[in-house]
Amino acid sequence: MLALVYGPWDSSASANGAVALLAAIGLAILHFAIGWVIARWWVVVLPVLVVALAVPAGTPDGVGGEPFPIWFVLAYLVAPVGVTLAVVGVLVRRWSGRPAAQG
């Protein structure tokens, strides 16, 4: 997530629709997979933690008008969906009967 925040979202590439679509699909898979692989309830706070770590990123460059800060977009669009997908990943793993990751 931090590579995405300080990479494509912190540059003018975020204005490209294809990059945004690939990032959204990748994030959806990432959040579900982390919930499924780890299968512990603490993973649902990771998307919220990324919001705090993205505050220094500021606003994206090359966006017309007055852009929202990256952390704002993460807090209101990405984090709620990420938390939901992580919860679904944890529930699917637990309902499947497979043991959670050790450690």
PDB file of N, CA and C in Angstrom:
ATOM      1  N   MET A   1       0.820  -1.189   0.000  1.00  0.00           N
ATOM      2  CA  MET A   1       0.000   0.000   0.000  1.00  0.00           C
ATOM      3  C   MET A   1       0.861   1.248   0.000  1.00  0.00           C
ATOM      4  N   LEU A   2       1.909   1.268   0.813  1.00  0.00           N
ATOM      5  CA  LEU A   2       2.739   2.464   0.856  1.00  0.00           C
ATOM      6  C   LEU A   2       3.477   2.670  -0.458  1.00  0.00           C
ATOM      7  N   ALA A   3       3.850   1.598  -1.125  1.00  0.00           N
ATOM      8  CA  ALA A   3       4.483   1.740  -2.443  1.00  0.00           C
ATOM      9  C   ALA A   3       3.505   2.368  -3.421  1.00  0.00           C
ATOM     10  N   LEU A   4       2.250   2.036  -3.325  1.00  0.00           N
ATOM     11  CA  LEU A   4       1.238   2.632  -4.191  1.00  0.00           C
ATOM     12  C   LEU A   4       0.992   4.094  -3.827  1.00  0.00           C
ATOM     13  N   VAL A   5       0.938   4.404  -2.538  1.00  0.00           N
ATOM     14  CA  VAL A   5       0.683   5.773  -2.093  1.00  0.00           C
ATOM     15  C   VAL A   5       1.812   6.703  -2.513  1.00  0.00           C
ATOM     16  N   TYR A   6       3.039   6.265  -2.292  1.00  0.00           N
ATOM     17  CA  TYR A   6       4.169   7.123  -2.613  1.00  0.00           C
ATOM     18  C   TYR A   6       4.658   6.923  -4.046  1.00  0.00           C
ATOM     19  N   GLY A   7       4.000   6.054  -4.791  1.00  0.00           N
ATOM     20  CA  GLY A   7       4.331   5.837  -6.193  1.00  0.00           C
ATOM     21  C   GLY A   7       3.300   6.473  -7.096  1.00  0.00           C
ATOM     22  N   PRO A   8       2.406   5.671  -7.686  1.00  0.00           N
ATOM     23  CA  PRO A   8       1.451   6.208  -8.665  1.00  0.00           C
ATOM     24  C   PRO A   8       0.521   7.290  -8.132  1.00  0.00           C
ATOM     25  N   TRP A   9       0.063   7.202  -6.884  1.00  0.00           N
ATOM     26  CA  TRP A   9      -0.884   8.205  -6.396  1.00  0.00           C
ATOM     27  C   TRP A   9      -0.197   9.523  -6.081  1.00  0.00           C
ATOM     28  N   ASP A  10       1.117   9.511  -5.951  1.00  0.00           N
ATOM     29  CA  ASP A  10       1.835  10.735  -5.646  1.00  0.00           C
ATOM     30  C   ASP A  10       2.414  11.370  -6.912  1.00  0.00           C
ATOM     31  N   SER A  11       1.947  10.939  -8.065  1.00  0.00           N
ATOM     32  CA  SER A  11       2.440  11.491  -9.322  1.00  0.00           C
ATOM     33  C   SER A  11       1.268  11.774 -10.246  1.00  0.00           C
ATOM     34  N   SER A  12       1.564  12.288 -11.393  1.00  0.00           N
ATOM     35  CA  SER A  12       0.499  12.597 -12.349  1.00  0.00           C
ATOM     36  C   SER A  12      -0.086  11.338 -12.980  1.00  0.00           C
ATOM     37  N   ALA A  13       0.521  10.180 -12.759  1.00  0.00           N
ATOM     38  CA  ALA A  13       0.004   8.942 -13.330  1.00  0.00           C
ATOM     39  C   ALA A  13      -1.359   8.575 -12.762  1.00  0.00           C
ATOM     40  N   SER A  14      -1.708   9.146 -11.604  1.00  0.00           N
ATOM     41  CA  SER A  14      -2.995   8.811 -10.998  1.00  0.00           C
ATOM     42  C   SER A  14      -4.164   9.350 -11.811  1.00  0.00           C
ATOM     43  N   ALA A  15      -3.903  10.314 -12.697  1.00  0.00           N
ATOM     44  CA  ALA A  15      -4.967  10.853 -13.536  1.00  0.00           C
ATOM     45  C   ALA A  15      -5.335   9.894 -14.659  1.00  0.00           C
ATOM     46  N   ASN A  16      -4.496   8.920 -14.923  1.00  0.00           N
ATOM     47  CA  ASN A  16      -4.743   7.935 -15.972  1.00  0.00           C
ATOM     48  C   ASN A  16      -5.786   6.932 -15.477  1.00  0.00           C
ATOM     49  N   GLY A  17      -6.853   6.760 -16.238  1.00  0.00           N
ATOM     50  CA  GLY A  17      -7.939   5.861 -15.846  1.00  0.00           C
ATOM     51  C   GLY A  17      -7.513   4.411 -15.754  1.00  0.00           C
ATOM     52  N   ALA A  18      -6.629   3.974 -16.648  1.00  0.00           N
ATOM     53  CA  ALA A  18      -6.178   2.584 -16.623  1.00  0.00           C
ATOM     54  C   ALA A  18      -5.374   2.297 -15.365  1.00  0.00           C
ATOM     55  N   VAL A  19      -4.523   3.228 -14.960  1.00  0.00           N
ATOM     56  CA  VAL A  19      -3.738   3.046 -13.738  1.00  0.00           C
ATOM     57  C   VAL A  19      -4.666   2.995 -12.525  1.00  0.00           C
ATOM     58  N   ALA A  20      -5.657   3.863 -12.508  1.00  0.00           N
ATOM     59  CA  ALA A  20      -6.606   3.887 -11.386  1.00  0.00           C
ATOM     60  C   ALA A  20      -7.396   2.584 -11.309  1.00  0.00           C
ATOM     61  N   LEU A  21      -7.826   2.055 -12.449  1.00  0.00           N
ATOM     62  CA  LEU A  21      -8.581   0.802 -12.460  1.00  0.00           C
ATOM     63  C   LEU A  21      -7.712  -0.368 -11.996  1.00  0.00           C
ATOM     64  N   LEU A  22      -6.492  -0.444 -12.492  1.00  0.00           N
ATOM     65  CA  LEU A  22      -5.588  -1.519 -12.073  1.00  0.00           C
ATOM     66  C   LEU A  22      -5.267  -1.409 -10.579  1.00  0.00           C
ATOM     67  N   ALA A  23      -5.092  -0.181 -10.098  1.00  0.00           N
ATOM     68  CA  ALA A  23      -4.827   0.016  -8.671  1.00  0.00           C
ATOM     69  C   ALA A  23      -6.018  -0.431  -7.830  1.00  0.00           C
ATOM     70  N   ALA A  24      -7.231  -0.120  -8.265  1.00  0.00           N
ATOM     71  CA  ALA A  24      -8.435  -0.508  -7.521  1.00  0.00           C
ATOM     72  C   ALA A  24      -8.586  -2.031  -7.477  1.00  0.00           C
ATOM     73  N   ILE A  25      -8.368  -2.686  -8.601  1.00  0.00           N
ATOM     74  CA  ILE A  25      -8.461  -4.153  -8.641  1.00  0.00           C
ATOM     75  C   ILE A  25      -7.367  -4.776  -7.773  1.00  0.00           C
ATOM     76  N   GLY A  26      -6.162  -4.239  -7.892  1.00  0.00           N
ATOM     77  CA  GLY A  26      -5.051  -4.746  -7.083  1.00  0.00           C
ATOM     78  C   GLY A  26      -5.292  -4.574  -5.598  1.00  0.00           C
ATOM     79  N   LEU A  27      -5.839  -3.427  -5.216  1.00  0.00           N
ATOM     80  CA  LEU A  27      -6.134  -3.186  -3.801  1.00  0.00           C
ATOM     81  C   LEU A  27      -7.216  -4.120  -3.278  1.00  0.00           C
ATOM     82  N   ALA A  28      -8.220  -4.368  -4.084  1.00  0.00           N
ATOM     83  CA  ALA A  28      -9.287  -5.284  -3.664  1.00  0.00           C
ATOM     84  C   ALA A  28      -8.720  -6.685  -3.427  1.00  0.00           C
ATOM     85  N   ILE A  29      -7.902  -7.148  -4.351  1.00  0.00           N
ATOM     86  CA  ILE A  29      -7.290  -8.470  -4.199  1.00  0.00           C
ATOM     87  C   ILE A  29      -6.352  -8.494  -2.997  1.00  0.00           C
ATOM     88  N   LEU A  30      -5.567  -7.429  -2.832  1.00  0.00           N
ATOM     89  CA  LEU A  30      -4.618  -7.351  -1.724  1.00  0.00           C
ATOM     90  C   LEU A  30      -5.322  -7.419  -0.369  1.00  0.00           C
ATOM     91  N   HIS A  31      -6.369  -6.634  -0.182  1.00  0.00           N
ATOM     92  CA  HIS A  31      -7.048  -6.611   1.114  1.00  0.00           C
ATOM     93  C   HIS A  31      -7.734  -7.948   1.425  1.00  0.00           C
ATOM     94  N   PHE A  32      -8.398  -8.525   0.438  1.00  0.00           N
ATOM     95  CA  PHE A  32      -9.021  -9.828   0.664  1.00  0.00           C
ATOM     96  C   PHE A  32      -7.962 -10.882   0.962  1.00  0.00           C
ATOM     97  N   ALA A  33      -6.878 -10.887   0.184  1.00  0.00           N
ATOM     98  CA  ALA A  33      -5.830 -11.903   0.352  1.00  0.00           C
ATOM     99  C   ALA A  33      -5.150 -11.793   1.710  1.00  0.00           C
ATOM    100  N   ILE A  34      -4.902 -10.587   2.166  1.00  0.00           N
ATOM    101  CA  ILE A  34      -4.269 -10.436   3.484  1.00  0.00           C
ATOM    102  C   ILE A  34      -5.194 -10.957   4.578  1.00  0.00           C
ATOM    103  N   GLY A  35      -6.476 -10.664   4.474  1.00  0.00           N
ATOM    104  CA  GLY A  35      -7.421 -11.205   5.448  1.00  0.00           C
ATOM    105  C   GLY A  35      -7.483 -12.718   5.394  1.00  0.00           C
ATOM    106  N   TRP A  36      -7.446 -13.271   4.192  1.00  0.00           N
ATOM    107  CA  TRP A  36      -7.539 -14.726   4.031  1.00  0.00           C
ATOM    108  C   TRP A  36      -6.259 -15.423   4.491  1.00  0.00           C
ATOM    109  N   VAL A  37      -5.112 -14.885   4.130  1.00  0.00           N
ATOM    110  CA  VAL A  37      -3.841 -15.527   4.469  1.00  0.00           C
ATOM    111  C   VAL A  37      -3.568 -15.467   5.965  1.00  0.00           C
ATOM    112  N   ILE A  38      -3.719 -14.304   6.565  1.00  0.00           N
ATOM    113  CA  ILE A  38      -3.391 -14.150   7.987  1.00  0.00           C
ATOM    114  C   ILE A  38      -4.508 -14.677   8.880  1.00  0.00           C
ATOM    115  N   ALA A  39      -5.754 -14.414   8.507  1.00  0.00           N
ATOM    116  CA  ALA A  39      -6.938 -14.927   9.217  1.00  0.00           C
ATOM    117  C   ALA A  39      -6.955 -14.577  10.703  1.00  0.00           C
ATOM    118  N   ARG A  40      -6.467 -13.408  11.025  1.00  0.00           N
ATOM    119  CA  ARG A  40      -6.521 -12.885  12.386  1.00  0.00           C
ATOM    120  C   ARG A  40      -7.257 -11.556  12.335  1.00  0.00           C
ATOM    121  N   TRP A  41      -7.967 -11.227  13.407  1.00  0.00           N
ATOM    122  CA  TRP A  41      -8.787 -10.027  13.385  1.00  0.00           C
ATOM    123  C   TRP A  41      -7.991  -8.735  13.397  1.00  0.00           C
ATOM    124  N   TRP A  42      -6.734  -8.760  13.796  1.00  0.00           N
ATOM    125  CA  TRP A  42      -5.955  -7.532  13.816  1.00  0.00           C
ATOM    126  C   TRP A  42      -5.652  -7.022  12.415  1.00  0.00           C
ATOM    127  N   VAL A  43      -5.780  -7.848  11.390  1.00  0.00           N
ATOM    128  CA  VAL A  43      -5.477  -7.378  10.030  1.00  0.00           C
ATOM    129  C   VAL A  43      -6.481  -6.347   9.543  1.00  0.00           C
ATOM    130  N   VAL A  44      -7.648  -6.250  10.164  1.00  0.00           N
ATOM    131  CA  VAL A  44      -8.638  -5.279   9.693  1.00  0.00           C
ATOM    132  C   VAL A  44      -8.233  -3.842  10.006  1.00  0.00           C
ATOM    133  N   VAL A  45      -7.250  -3.638  10.880  1.00  0.00           N
ATOM    134  CA  VAL A  45      -6.788  -2.276  11.157  1.00  0.00           C
ATOM    135  C   VAL A  45      -5.688  -1.829  10.201  1.00  0.00           C
ATOM    136  N   LEU A  46      -5.140  -2.724   9.397  1.00  0.00           N
ATOM    137  CA  LEU A  46      -4.058  -2.345   8.489  1.00  0.00           C
ATOM    138  C   LEU A  46      -4.465  -1.283   7.470  1.00  0.00           C
ATOM    139  N   PRO A  47      -5.648  -1.362   6.840  1.00  0.00           N
ATOM    140  CA  PRO A  47      -6.023  -0.280   5.921  1.00  0.00           C
ATOM    141  C   PRO A  47      -6.142   1.078   6.616  1.00  0.00           C
ATOM    142  N   VAL A  48      -6.533   1.087   7.872  1.00  0.00           N
ATOM    143  CA  VAL A  48      -6.635   2.339   8.619  1.00  0.00           C
ATOM    144  C   VAL A  48      -5.238   2.864   8.956  1.00  0.00           C
ATOM    145  N   LEU A  49      -4.321   1.971   9.238  1.00  0.00           N
ATOM    146  CA  LEU A  49      -2.945   2.364   9.521  1.00  0.00           C
ATOM    147  C   LEU A  49      -2.297   3.029   8.310  1.00  0.00           C
ATOM    148  N   VAL A  50      -2.631   2.566   7.120  1.00  0.00           N
ATOM    149  CA  VAL A  50      -2.080   3.156   5.903  1.00  0.00           C
ATOM    150  C   VAL A  50      -2.508   4.612   5.761  1.00  0.00           C
ATOM    151  N   VAL A  51      -3.707   4.940   6.223  1.00  0.00           N
ATOM    152  CA  VAL A  51      -4.177   6.333   6.171  1.00  0.00           C
ATOM    153  C   VAL A  51      -3.225   7.222   6.966  1.00  0.00           C
ATOM    154  N   ALA A  52      -2.864   6.798   8.164  1.00  0.00           N
ATOM    155  CA  ALA A  52      -1.949   7.588   8.994  1.00  0.00           C
ATOM    156  C   ALA A  52      -0.568   7.696   8.351  1.00  0.00           C
ATOM    157  N   LEU A  53      -0.105   6.626   7.731  1.00  0.00           N
ATOM    158  CA  LEU A  53       1.209   6.644   7.096  1.00  0.00           C
ATOM    159  C   LEU A  53       1.231   7.441   5.801  1.00  0.00           C
ATOM    160  N   ALA A  54       0.059   7.737   5.231  1.00  0.00           N
ATOM    161  CA  ALA A  54      -0.011   8.487   3.980  1.00  0.00           C
ATOM    162  C   ALA A  54      -0.123   9.989   4.193  1.00  0.00           C
ATOM    163  N   VAL A  55      -0.263  10.441   5.426  1.00  0.00           N
ATOM    164  CA  VAL A  55      -0.402  11.879   5.679  1.00  0.00           C
ATOM    165  C   VAL A  55       0.787  12.676   5.129  1.00  0.00           C
ATOM    166  N   PRO A  56       2.032  12.234   5.296  1.00  0.00           N
ATOM    167  CA  PRO A  56       3.146  13.016   4.746  1.00  0.00           C
ATOM    168  C   PRO A  56       3.181  13.082   3.219  1.00  0.00           C
ATOM    169  N   ALA A  57       2.428  12.251   2.530  1.00  0.00           N
ATOM    170  CA  ALA A  57       2.451  12.239   1.062  1.00  0.00           C
ATOM    171  C   ALA A  57       1.863  13.514   0.479  1.00  0.00           C
ATOM    172  N   GLY A  58       1.012  14.196   1.218  1.00  0.00           N
ATOM    173  CA  GLY A  58       0.441  15.449   0.739  1.00  0.00           C
ATOM    174  C   GLY A  58      -0.619  15.237  -0.327  1.00  0.00           C
ATOM    175  N   THR A  59      -0.565  16.047  -1.376  1.00  0.00           N
ATOM    176  CA  THR A  59      -1.534  15.958  -2.464  1.00  0.00           C
ATOM    177  C   THR A  59      -0.851  15.451  -3.723  1.00  0.00           C
ATOM    178  N   PRO A  60      -1.600  14.808  -4.622  1.00  0.00           N
ATOM    179  CA  PRO A  60      -0.989  14.324  -5.858  1.00  0.00           C
ATOM    180  C   PRO A  60      -0.603  15.486  -6.776  1.00  0.00           C
ATOM    181  N   ASP A  61       0.481  15.314  -7.505  1.00  0.00           N
ATOM    182  CA  ASP A  61       0.937  16.325  -8.457  1.00  0.00           C
ATOM    183  C   ASP A  61       0.224  16.158  -9.788  1.00  0.00           C
ATOM    184  N   GLY A  62       0.086  17.232 -10.516  1.00  0.00           N
ATOM    185  CA  GLY A  62      -0.434  17.163 -11.875  1.00  0.00           C
ATOM    186  C   GLY A  62      -1.924  16.946 -11.989  1.00  0.00           C
ATOM    187  N   VAL A  63      -2.667  17.139 -10.916  1.00  0.00           N
ATOM    188  CA  VAL A  63      -4.114  16.973 -10.957  1.00  0.00           C
ATOM    189  C   VAL A  63      -4.728  18.367 -11.072  1.00  0.00           C
ATOM    190  N   GLY A  64      -5.643  18.537 -12.007  1.00  0.00           N
ATOM    191  CA  GLY A  64      -6.268  19.845 -12.186  1.00  0.00           C
ATOM    192  C   GLY A  64      -7.136  20.236 -11.012  1.00  0.00           C
ATOM    193  N   GLY A  65      -7.268  21.523 -10.788  1.00  0.00           N
ATOM    194  CA  GLY A  65      -8.103  21.998  -9.690  1.00  0.00           C
ATOM    195  C   GLY A  65      -7.403  21.876  -8.357  1.00  0.00           C
ATOM    196  N   GLU A  66      -8.184  21.850  -7.319  1.00  0.00           N
ATOM    197  CA  GLU A  66      -7.651  21.729  -5.962  1.00  0.00           C
ATOM    198  C   GLU A  66      -7.798  20.278  -5.514  1.00  0.00           C
ATOM    199  N   PRO A  67      -6.716  19.483  -5.576  1.00  0.00           N
ATOM    200  CA  PRO A  67      -6.833  18.057  -5.265  1.00  0.00           C
ATOM    201  C   PRO A  67      -6.978  17.804  -3.766  1.00  0.00           C
ATOM    202  N   PHE A  68      -7.652  16.723  -3.459  1.00  0.00           N
ATOM    203  CA  PHE A  68      -7.740  16.275  -2.077  1.00  0.00           C
ATOM    204  C   PHE A  68      -6.407  15.660  -1.677  1.00  0.00           C
ATOM    205  N   PRO A  69      -6.039  15.748  -0.398  1.00  0.00           N
ATOM    206  CA  PRO A  69      -4.838  15.042   0.059  1.00  0.00           C
ATOM    207  C   PRO A  69      -5.017  13.531  -0.117  1.00  0.00           C
ATOM    208  N   ILE A  70      -3.926  12.842  -0.320  1.00  0.00           N
ATOM    209  CA  ILE A  70      -3.979  11.395  -0.541  1.00  0.00           C
ATOM    210  C   ILE A  70      -4.587  10.688   0.664  1.00  0.00           C
ATOM    211  N   TRP A  71      -4.254  11.132   1.877  1.00  0.00           N
ATOM    212  CA  TRP A  71      -4.794  10.465   3.062  1.00  0.00           C
ATOM    213  C   TRP A  71      -6.317  10.596   3.124  1.00  0.00           C
ATOM    214  N   PHE A  72      -6.854  11.708   2.630  1.00  0.00           N
ATOM    215  CA  PHE A  72      -8.303  11.923   2.643  1.00  0.00           C
ATOM    216  C   PHE A  72      -9.003  10.902   1.748  1.00  0.00           C
ATOM    217  N   VAL A  73      -8.448  10.698   0.563  1.00  0.00           N
ATOM    218  CA  VAL A  73      -9.011   9.711  -0.366  1.00  0.00           C
ATOM    219  C   VAL A  73      -8.922   8.315   0.239  1.00  0.00           C
ATOM    220  N   LEU A  74      -7.791   8.012   0.854  1.00  0.00           N
ATOM    221  CA  LEU A  74      -7.637   6.707   1.501  1.00  0.00           C
ATOM    222  C   LEU A  74      -8.639   6.533   2.639  1.00  0.00           C
ATOM    223  N   ALA A  75      -8.836   7.568   3.435  1.00  0.00           N
ATOM    224  CA  ALA A  75      -9.713   7.466   4.606  1.00  0.00           C
ATOM    225  C   ALA A  75     -11.176   7.272   4.231  1.00  0.00           C
ATOM    226  N   TYR A  76     -11.601   7.896   3.148  1.00  0.00           N
ATOM    227  CA  TYR A  76     -13.028   7.849   2.820  1.00  0.00           C
ATOM    228  C   TYR A  76     -13.396   6.890   1.698  1.00  0.00           C
ATOM    229  N   LEU A  77     -12.424   6.455   0.916  1.00  0.00           N
ATOM    230  CA  LEU A  77     -12.738   5.533  -0.169  1.00  0.00           C
ATOM    231  C   LEU A  77     -12.070   4.175  -0.006  1.00  0.00           C
ATOM    232  N   VAL A  78     -10.783   4.173   0.255  1.00  0.00           N
ATOM    233  CA  VAL A  78     -10.030   2.921   0.257  1.00  0.00           C
ATOM    234  C   VAL A  78     -10.137   2.188   1.588  1.00  0.00           C
ATOM    235  N   ALA A  79      -9.966   2.871   2.707  1.00  0.00           N
ATOM    236  CA  ALA A  79      -9.954   2.198   4.010  1.00  0.00           C
ATOM    237  C   ALA A  79     -11.263   1.473   4.330  1.00  0.00           C
ATOM    238  N   PRO A  80     -12.443   2.083   4.132  1.00  0.00           N
ATOM    239  CA  PRO A  80     -13.672   1.333   4.446  1.00  0.00           C
ATOM    240  C   PRO A  80     -13.831   0.070   3.589  1.00  0.00           C
ATOM    241  N   VAL A  81     -13.515   0.186   2.325  1.00  0.00           N
ATOM    242  CA  VAL A  81     -13.607  -0.985   1.440  1.00  0.00           C
ATOM    243  C   VAL A  81     -12.540  -2.008   1.821  1.00  0.00           C
ATOM    244  N   GLY A  82     -11.328  -1.519   2.133  1.00  0.00           N
ATOM    245  CA  GLY A  82     -10.245  -2.423   2.536  1.00  0.00           C
ATOM    246  C   GLY A  82     -10.560  -3.176   3.812  1.00  0.00           C
ATOM    247  N   VAL A  83     -11.122  -2.476   4.792  1.00  0.00           N
ATOM    248  CA  VAL A  83     -11.506  -3.138   6.043  1.00  0.00           C
ATOM    249  C   VAL A  83     -12.571  -4.197   5.770  1.00  0.00           C
ATOM    250  N   THR A  84     -13.546  -3.849   4.946  1.00  0.00           N
ATOM    251  CA  THR A  84     -14.616  -4.808   4.619  1.00  0.00           C
ATOM    252  C   THR A  84     -14.053  -6.044   3.919  1.00  0.00           C
ATOM    253  N   LEU A  85     -13.185  -5.843   2.949  1.00  0.00           N
ATOM    254  CA  LEU A  85     -12.607  -6.985   2.234  1.00  0.00           C
ATOM    255  C   LEU A  85     -11.704  -7.820   3.132  1.00  0.00           C
ATOM    256  N   ALA A  86     -10.975  -7.185   4.054  1.00  0.00           N
ATOM    257  CA  ALA A  86     -10.147  -7.942   4.994  1.00  0.00           C
ATOM    258  C   ALA A  86     -11.023  -8.785   5.914  1.00  0.00           C
ATOM    259  N   VAL A  87     -12.138  -8.216   6.386  1.00  0.00           N
ATOM    260  CA  VAL A  87     -13.074  -8.978   7.230  1.00  0.00           C
ATOM    261  C   VAL A  87     -13.634 -10.161   6.457  1.00  0.00           C
ATOM    262  N   VAL A  88     -14.013  -9.932   5.202  1.00  0.00           N
ATOM    263  CA  VAL A  88     -14.527 -11.029   4.373  1.00  0.00           C
ATOM    264  C   VAL A  88     -13.457 -12.100   4.194  1.00  0.00           C
ATOM    265  N   GLY A  89     -12.210 -11.688   3.979  1.00  0.00           N
ATOM    266  CA  GLY A  89     -11.119 -12.654   3.834  1.00  0.00           C
ATOM    267  C   GLY A  89     -10.926 -13.491   5.091  1.00  0.00           C
ATOM    268  N   VAL A  90     -10.969 -12.841   6.261  1.00  0.00           N
ATOM    269  CA  VAL A  90     -10.830 -13.568   7.528  1.00  0.00           C
ATOM    270  C   VAL A  90     -11.995 -14.536   7.702  1.00  0.00           C
ATOM    271  N   LEU A  91     -13.222 -14.081   7.441  1.00  0.00           N
ATOM    272  CA  LEU A  91     -14.394 -14.944   7.606  1.00  0.00           C
ATOM    273  C   LEU A  91     -14.374 -16.132   6.657  1.00  0.00           C
ATOM    274  N   VAL A  92     -13.996 -15.892   5.404  1.00  0.00           N
ATOM    275  CA  VAL A  92     -13.933 -16.997   4.440  1.00  0.00           C
ATOM    276  C   VAL A  92     -12.904 -18.032   4.879  1.00  0.00           C
ATOM    277  N   ARG A  93     -11.764 -17.583   5.345  1.00  0.00           N
ATOM    278  CA  ARG A  93     -10.725 -18.509   5.803  1.00  0.00           C
ATOM    279  C   ARG A  93     -11.194 -19.308   7.007  1.00  0.00           C
ATOM    280  N   ARG A  94     -11.839 -18.633   7.952  1.00  0.00           N
ATOM    281  CA  ARG A  94     -12.297 -19.329   9.156  1.00  0.00           C
ATOM    282  C   ARG A  94     -13.452 -20.283   8.853  1.00  0.00           C
ATOM    283  N   TRP A  95     -14.353 -19.884   7.957  1.00  0.00           N
ATOM    284  CA  TRP A  95     -15.469 -20.758   7.601  1.00  0.00           C
ATOM    285  C   TRP A  95     -15.027 -21.928   6.741  1.00  0.00           C
ATOM    286  N   SER A  96     -13.890 -21.784   6.060  1.00  0.00           N
ATOM    287  CA  SER A  96     -13.412 -22.882   5.206  1.00  0.00           C
ATOM    288  C   SER A  96     -12.816 -24.013   6.037  1.00  0.00           C
ATOM    289  N   GLY A  97     -12.537 -23.762   7.312  1.00  0.00           N
ATOM    290  CA  GLY A  97     -12.006 -24.791   8.179  1.00  0.00           C
ATOM    291  C   GLY A  97     -10.491 -24.894   8.128  1.00  0.00           C
ATOM    292  N   ARG A  98      -9.834 -24.063   7.321  1.00  0.00           N
ATOM    293  CA  ARG A  98      -8.381 -24.100   7.262  1.00  0.00           C
ATOM    294  C   ARG A  98      -7.820 -23.354   8.470  1.00  0.00           C
ATOM    295  N   PRO A  99      -6.739 -23.833   9.023  1.00  0.00           N
ATOM    296  CA  PRO A  99      -6.150 -23.138  10.182  1.00  0.00           C
ATOM    297  C   PRO A  99      -5.546 -21.801   9.768  1.00  0.00           C
ATOM    298  N   ALA A 100      -5.532 -20.856  10.705  1.00  0.00           N
ATOM    299  CA  ALA A 100      -4.954 -19.536  10.454  1.00  0.00           C
ATOM    300  C   ALA A 100      -3.441 -19.639  10.395  1.00  0.00           C
ATOM    301  N   ALA A 101      -2.821 -18.637   9.806  1.00  0.00           N
ATOM    302  CA  ALA A 101      -1.366 -18.599   9.726  1.00  0.00           C
ATOM    303  C   ALA A 101      -0.758 -18.558  11.133  1.00  0.00           C
ATOM    304  N   GLN A 102       0.319 -19.253  11.316  1.00  0.00           N
ATOM    305  CA  GLN A 102       0.977 -19.283  12.623  1.00  0.00           C
ATOM    306  C   GLN A 102       1.943 -18.118  12.737  1.00  0.00           C
ATOM    307  N   GLY A 103       2.001 -17.536  13.931  1.00  0.00           N
ATOM    308  CA  GLY A 103       2.989 -16.475  14.144  1.00  0.00           C
ATOM    309  C   GLY A 103       2.441 -15.220  14.643  1.00  0.00           C
TER     310      GLY A 103
END
